[in-house]
Protein backbone atom coordinates (compact mmCIF):
# COMPACT_ATOMS: atom_id res chain seq x y z
CA MET A 1 4.07 -11.62 -3.62
CA SER A 2 3.74 -11.79 0.15
CA SER A 3 3.26 -15.05 2.07
CA ILE A 4 0.27 -13.70 4.03
CA PRO A 5 -2.54 -16.29 4.20
CA THR A 6 -5.61 -15.59 2.10
CA VAL A 7 -9.35 -16.16 2.37
CA LYS A 8 -11.31 -17.15 -0.72
CA LEU A 9 -14.32 -14.98 -1.51
CA ASN A 10 -17.54 -16.15 -3.14
CA THR A 11 -16.31 -14.46 -6.32
CA GLY A 12 -13.32 -16.82 -6.45
CA ALA A 13 -10.89 -14.01 -5.60
CA GLU A 14 -8.39 -14.34 -2.76
CA ILE A 15 -8.27 -11.62 -0.10
CA PRO A 16 -5.14 -11.34 2.08
CA ALA A 17 -6.10 -12.35 5.62
CA ILE A 18 -4.12 -9.48 7.15
CA GLY A 19 -4.61 -6.02 5.72
CA LEU A 20 -3.72 -2.50 6.74
CA GLY A 21 -6.55 -0.48 8.25
CA ALA A 22 -6.30 2.96 6.65
CA TRP A 23 -8.36 5.00 9.10
CA ALA A 24 -6.49 8.14 10.20
CA LYS A 25 -7.18 11.09 12.46
CA PRO A 26 -7.67 14.35 10.52
CA GLU A 27 -4.26 15.64 11.64
CA ASP A 28 -2.56 12.44 10.44
CA ARG A 29 -4.14 12.25 6.99
CA PRO A 30 -1.57 14.49 5.23
CA LYS A 31 1.21 12.04 6.14
CA ALA A 32 -0.83 8.83 5.83
CA ALA A 33 0.81 7.86 2.52
CA THR A 34 4.14 7.58 4.37
CA TRP A 35 2.96 4.83 6.67
CA PHE A 36 0.98 3.13 3.92
CA ILE A 37 4.23 2.92 1.95
CA SER A 38 6.08 1.44 4.93
CA ALA A 39 3.32 -1.18 5.27
CA LEU A 40 3.58 -2.14 1.61
CA LYS A 41 7.36 -2.42 1.96
CA ALA A 42 6.83 -4.63 5.02
CA GLY A 43 4.76 -7.04 2.94
CA TYR A 44 1.15 -5.89 3.19
CA ARG A 45 -0.83 -6.44 0.02
CA HIS A 46 -4.24 -5.41 1.30
CA ILE A 47 -5.25 -1.85 2.23
CA ASP A 48 -8.66 -1.12 3.74
CA THR A 49 -9.74 2.49 3.26
CA ALA A 50 -13.08 4.33 3.00
CA SER A 51 -14.60 7.52 1.68
CA THR A 52 -15.19 8.79 5.22
CA TYR A 53 -11.59 8.01 6.26
CA GLU A 54 -10.40 10.54 3.65
CA THR A 55 -7.34 8.41 2.94
CA GLU A 56 -8.22 7.17 -0.54
CA THR A 57 -5.84 9.72 -2.07
CA ALA A 58 -3.04 8.61 0.24
CA THR A 59 -3.75 4.98 -0.65
CA GLY A 60 -3.27 5.67 -4.34
CA GLU A 61 -0.13 7.70 -3.69
CA ALA A 62 1.36 4.88 -1.64
CA ILE A 63 0.59 2.27 -4.29
CA ARG A 64 2.27 4.31 -7.02
CA ALA A 65 5.28 5.07 -4.82
CA SER A 66 5.69 1.41 -3.86
CA GLY A 67 6.19 0.20 -7.41
CA ILE A 68 4.18 -2.93 -6.61
CA PRO A 69 2.07 -4.08 -9.59
CA ARG A 70 -1.59 -3.26 -9.08
CA ASN A 71 -2.67 -6.86 -9.70
CA GLU A 72 -0.66 -7.96 -6.65
CA LEU A 73 -2.68 -5.72 -4.35
CA PHE A 74 -6.15 -5.93 -2.85
CA ILE A 75 -7.76 -2.54 -2.22
CA THR A 76 -11.00 -2.11 -0.32
CA THR A 77 -12.95 1.13 0.04
CA LYS A 78 -16.42 1.97 1.29
CA LEU A 79 -19.49 3.98 0.35
CA ALA A 80 -20.07 6.89 2.71
CA TRP A 81 -23.32 6.63 4.65
CA HIS A 82 -24.48 10.09 3.50
CA HIS A 83 -24.02 9.11 -0.17
CA TYR A 84 -26.91 6.64 0.02
CA ASP A 85 -28.68 8.04 -3.07
CA ARG A 86 -25.59 8.75 -5.18
CA VAL A 87 -23.78 5.43 -5.20
CA ALA A 88 -22.33 5.60 -8.71
CA GLU A 89 -21.18 9.20 -8.27
CA SER A 90 -19.58 8.46 -4.91
CA PHE A 91 -17.84 5.38 -6.24
CA ASN A 92 -16.38 7.34 -9.16
CA GLU A 93 -15.23 10.07 -6.78
CA SER A 94 -13.39 7.44 -4.74
CA LEU A 95 -11.72 6.10 -7.88
CA GLU A 96 -10.72 9.62 -8.89
CA LYS A 97 -9.28 10.42 -5.46
CA SER A 98 -7.24 7.22 -5.42
CA GLY A 99 -6.10 7.50 -9.02
CA LEU A 100 -6.81 3.78 -9.44
CA ASP A 101 -8.55 2.07 -12.34
CA TYR A 102 -10.55 -0.27 -10.12
CA PHE A 103 -11.18 -1.42 -6.57
CA ASP A 104 -11.08 -5.04 -5.49
CA LEU A 105 -13.89 -4.61 -2.98
CA TYR A 106 -16.50 -1.91 -2.35
CA LEU A 107 -18.50 -2.01 0.88
CA MET A 108 -21.64 -0.30 2.13
CA HIS A 109 -20.04 1.22 5.24
CA PHE A 110 -23.16 1.21 7.46
CA PRO A 111 -26.76 0.11 6.88
CA GLN A 112 -28.19 3.45 8.02
CA ALA A 113 -28.36 6.52 5.78
CA LEU A 114 -27.29 9.90 7.16
CA GLY A 115 -28.45 13.27 5.89
CA ARG A 116 -26.17 15.80 4.21
CA HIS A 117 -25.49 19.21 5.73
CA GLY A 118 -24.04 22.51 4.58
CA PRO A 119 -22.79 23.60 1.15
CA ASN A 120 -20.35 20.68 0.94
CA GLY A 121 -22.94 18.06 1.84
CA ASP A 122 -21.12 16.94 4.99
CA TRP A 123 -22.56 14.16 7.16
CA LYS A 124 -22.45 16.39 10.24
CA ASP A 125 -23.91 19.84 10.63
CA ALA A 126 -21.96 22.83 11.94
CA ASP A 127 -22.59 21.68 15.53
CA GLY A 128 -21.43 18.12 14.86
CA ASN A 129 -24.92 16.65 14.82
CA ILE A 130 -26.22 13.99 12.44
CA THR A 131 -29.67 13.27 11.00
CA ILE A 132 -31.09 9.93 9.93
CA VAL A 133 -32.72 9.63 6.52
CA ASP A 134 -35.44 7.07 5.86
CA TYR A 135 -33.74 5.33 2.94
CA PRO A 136 -33.61 1.52 2.83
CA PHE A 137 -30.24 -0.21 2.59
CA THR A 138 -31.86 -2.64 0.15
CA LYS A 139 -32.15 0.20 -2.34
CA ILE A 140 -28.50 1.17 -1.76
CA TRP A 141 -27.48 -2.44 -2.39
CA ALA A 142 -29.39 -2.55 -5.68
CA ASP A 143 -27.37 0.46 -6.85
CA MET A 144 -24.14 -1.15 -5.67
CA GLU A 145 -24.91 -4.27 -7.70
CA LYS A 146 -25.01 -2.11 -10.84
CA LEU A 147 -21.37 -1.11 -10.21
CA LEU A 148 -20.25 -4.64 -11.05
CA ASP A 149 -21.30 -4.06 -14.66
CA THR A 150 -18.73 -1.25 -14.97
CA GLY A 151 -15.77 -3.59 -14.45
CA LYS A 152 -14.32 -1.00 -12.07
CA VAL A 153 -14.99 -3.06 -8.97
CA LYS A 154 -14.36 -6.80 -8.58
CA ALA A 155 -16.61 -7.49 -5.59
CA ILE A 156 -19.15 -5.73 -3.40
CA GLY A 157 -20.02 -6.22 0.24
CA ILE A 158 -21.38 -4.76 3.44
CA SER A 159 -20.10 -3.50 6.77
CA ASN A 160 -21.62 -3.32 10.24
CA PHE A 161 -24.43 -5.66 9.21
CA SER A 162 -26.00 -8.07 11.70
CA ILE A 163 -27.68 -11.39 10.89
CA LYS A 164 -31.01 -9.54 11.06
CA ASN A 165 -30.08 -6.92 8.46
CA THR A 166 -28.17 -9.35 6.26
CA GLU A 167 -31.30 -11.53 6.10
CA GLU A 168 -33.30 -8.47 5.05
CA LEU A 169 -30.73 -7.64 2.37
CA LEU A 170 -30.64 -11.17 1.00
CA LYS A 171 -34.39 -11.08 0.36
CA ILE A 172 -33.78 -8.68 -2.55
CA ALA A 173 -30.12 -9.24 -3.39
CA LYS A 174 -29.20 -10.53 -6.83
CA ILE A 175 -25.59 -10.69 -5.66
CA VAL A 176 -24.66 -12.19 -2.28
CA PRO A 177 -22.23 -9.85 -0.50
CA ALA A 178 -18.65 -11.08 -0.75
CA VAL A 179 -17.67 -9.65 2.64
CA ASN A 180 -19.21 -8.26 5.82
CA GLN A 181 -16.78 -6.10 7.77
CA VAL A 182 -17.63 -5.83 11.47
CA GLU A 183 -16.06 -5.06 14.81
CA LEU A 184 -14.60 -8.35 15.98
CA HIS A 185 -12.00 -9.23 18.62
CA PRO A 186 -11.76 -11.66 21.56
CA TYR A 187 -14.13 -9.56 23.70
CA LEU A 188 -16.64 -9.50 20.80
CA ALA A 189 -16.19 -12.85 19.06
CA GLN A 190 -19.40 -12.62 16.96
CA ASN A 191 -19.69 -16.43 16.88
CA ASP A 192 -23.27 -16.54 15.60
CA LEU A 193 -22.58 -14.00 12.86
CA LEU A 194 -19.43 -15.83 11.81
CA GLU A 195 -21.22 -19.18 11.58
CA TYR A 196 -24.16 -17.64 9.73
CA SER A 197 -21.90 -15.82 7.27
CA LYS A 198 -19.90 -18.95 6.47
CA LYS A 199 -23.14 -20.76 5.61
CA LYS A 200 -24.13 -17.89 3.31
CA GLY A 201 -20.70 -17.72 1.65
CA ILE A 202 -19.96 -14.27 3.08
CA ALA A 203 -16.41 -13.71 4.35
CA ILE A 204 -15.96 -11.77 7.57
CA THR A 205 -13.43 -8.98 7.97
CA ALA A 206 -12.64 -7.75 11.48
CA TYR A 207 -12.09 -4.08 12.23
CA THR A 208 -10.65 -3.04 15.59
CA PRO A 209 -9.29 -6.60 15.34
CA THR A 210 -6.92 -6.48 18.30
CA GLY A 211 -9.42 -4.70 20.55
CA TYR A 212 -7.08 -1.81 21.34
CA ALA A 213 -4.83 -2.08 24.39
CA THR A 214 -7.91 -3.18 26.36
CA VAL A 215 -7.78 -6.65 24.81
CA ARG A 216 -4.11 -6.81 23.83
CA GLU A 217 -3.14 -6.34 27.48
CA ASP A 218 -5.70 -8.81 28.83
CA ALA A 219 -3.98 -11.23 31.24
CA THR A 220 -4.95 -14.30 29.19
CA ILE A 221 -3.71 -12.77 25.94
CA GLN A 222 -0.44 -11.77 27.61
CA GLU A 223 -0.01 -15.26 29.07
CA ILE A 224 -0.35 -16.80 25.60
CA ALA A 225 1.92 -14.14 24.12
CA LYS A 226 4.64 -14.94 26.66
CA LYS A 227 4.30 -18.65 25.92
CA HIS A 228 4.97 -18.03 22.22
CA ASN A 229 7.45 -15.17 22.65
CA ALA A 230 4.99 -12.97 20.76
CA THR A 231 3.04 -9.75 21.19
CA GLY A 232 -0.59 -9.55 22.23
CA ALA A 233 -1.46 -8.31 18.75
CA GLN A 234 0.26 -11.30 17.13
CA VAL A 235 -1.73 -13.68 19.34
CA ILE A 236 -5.06 -12.04 18.48
CA LEU A 237 -4.36 -11.72 14.75
CA SER A 238 -3.32 -15.38 14.66
CA TRP A 239 -6.61 -16.24 16.40
CA HIS A 240 -8.54 -14.39 13.68
CA VAL A 241 -6.73 -16.25 10.92
CA SER A 242 -7.36 -19.58 12.67
CA ARG A 243 -11.10 -18.81 12.43
CA GLY A 244 -10.96 -17.93 8.74
CA VAL A 245 -11.47 -14.23 9.49
CA VAL A 246 -9.72 -11.40 7.63
CA ALA A 247 -8.27 -8.74 9.96
CA VAL A 248 -7.32 -5.15 9.15
CA PRO A 249 -5.25 -3.77 12.02
CA ARG A 250 -4.28 -0.12 11.83
CA SER A 251 -0.71 0.83 12.67
CA SER A 252 1.46 3.72 11.55
CA ASN A 253 4.51 2.27 13.33
CA GLU A 254 6.86 0.46 10.97
CA GLU A 255 7.99 -2.14 13.51
CA ARG A 256 4.45 -2.94 14.64
CA GLN A 257 3.39 -3.23 11.02
CA LYS A 258 6.04 -5.90 10.54
CA GLU A 259 5.10 -7.64 13.80
CA ASN A 260 1.46 -7.84 12.76
CA LEU A 261 2.42 -9.88 9.70
CA ARG A 262 4.37 -12.45 11.74
CA LEU A 263 1.63 -14.86 12.69
CA ILE A 264 2.15 -17.65 15.19
CA GLU A 265 0.79 -21.19 15.49
CA LEU A 266 -1.74 -21.29 18.30
CA ASP A 267 -2.56 -24.66 19.83
CA GLU A 268 -6.04 -25.88 20.73
CA GLU A 269 -5.63 -24.84 24.37
CA ASP A 270 -4.65 -21.29 23.36
CA ILE A 271 -7.70 -20.95 21.13
CA LYS A 272 -10.04 -22.24 23.84
CA LYS A 273 -8.66 -19.68 26.30
CA ILE A 274 -9.08 -16.84 23.80
CA ASN A 275 -12.60 -17.98 22.90
CA ALA A 276 -13.52 -17.87 26.59
CA LEU A 277 -12.81 -14.12 26.69
CA ASP A 278 -15.94 -13.33 24.65
CA ARG A 279 -18.24 -10.97 26.55
CA ASN A 280 -20.15 -9.37 23.67
CA GLU A 281 -18.40 -6.08 24.44
CA ARG A 282 -18.09 -3.41 21.79
CA LEU A 283 -15.09 -1.11 22.10
CA CYS A 284 -15.29 0.91 18.89
CA ASN A 285 -18.84 1.54 17.71
CA LYS A 286 -20.84 1.30 20.91
CA ALA A 287 -24.03 3.06 21.94
CA GLY A 288 -23.79 6.55 23.42
CA GLU A 289 -25.85 8.01 26.23
CA ASP A 290 -28.85 8.16 23.88
CA GLY A 291 -28.61 4.40 23.35
CA LYS A 292 -27.76 4.83 19.68
CA VAL A 293 -24.82 4.19 17.37
CA TRP A 294 -24.71 6.86 14.67
CA GLY A 295 -28.44 7.42 14.98
CA TRP A 296 -29.62 3.81 15.16
CA THR A 297 -30.44 1.72 18.20
CA TYR A 298 -28.92 -1.70 18.78
CA GLU A 299 -32.32 -3.13 17.89
CA GLN A 300 -32.28 -1.41 14.49
CA LEU A 301 -28.71 -2.54 13.90
CA GLY A 302 -29.54 -6.05 15.05
CA TRP A 303 -26.68 -5.97 17.52
């Protein structure tokens, strides 16, 4: 087993605090298993994939090629937003694609439901447009709760949920989400959400955790990195772990994969400086010219 720190979920399970983000560009998906394998060899024991990433098959291939026992791994995948009314079917399709017997964590990828288009039921039409369907995420969650009875998933959670929408969900939830995965990095520290989630027993996972080069190359981050003879990514990932946050950086480079697992000990001064960088700035899922993120306004998202 790897020596990566873990975060305890409200189910009692331990989730590795550093995981591999398995998003891939369409042209990179055929070779994704190769870099998933290199990550597993480097020591990763947590892979974060999703139906819409189309890397569930590669995840399963990498696990089988690695020879690592399944019970030593933590595998997360996510319900596609256009599968809002076919949760069980979509979940089973993900299992089939991966070739796995179970997932450790299954997340509702976004609170909004998108319509299906074309003969294959894609989430975009032929022109790349999306449509929003009036289908409550509370109903999706109720169907996700039923998956726990199958024994094929150990925990369920949410992604891209704000305090506002989590509160709405908890009004009907029989099961408190184990995890909420959100964009989180020093420019978007999400302090209120993190504090709220800890009180509710919901672990936070950070996607875009190093904030791309924009944040990694920030002068303050680089100053701290130089002090510790580390990379900007190592500084930021260590900051996440110091806050009790799980981070899932994506890297296909073998050396960077290894670097991302070598956490450093930040002192109180370092953490204060990083905390001061917060500017509530989204770098990944931010509103377009229409003021919406995948069809919803910031107000609807609670962002």
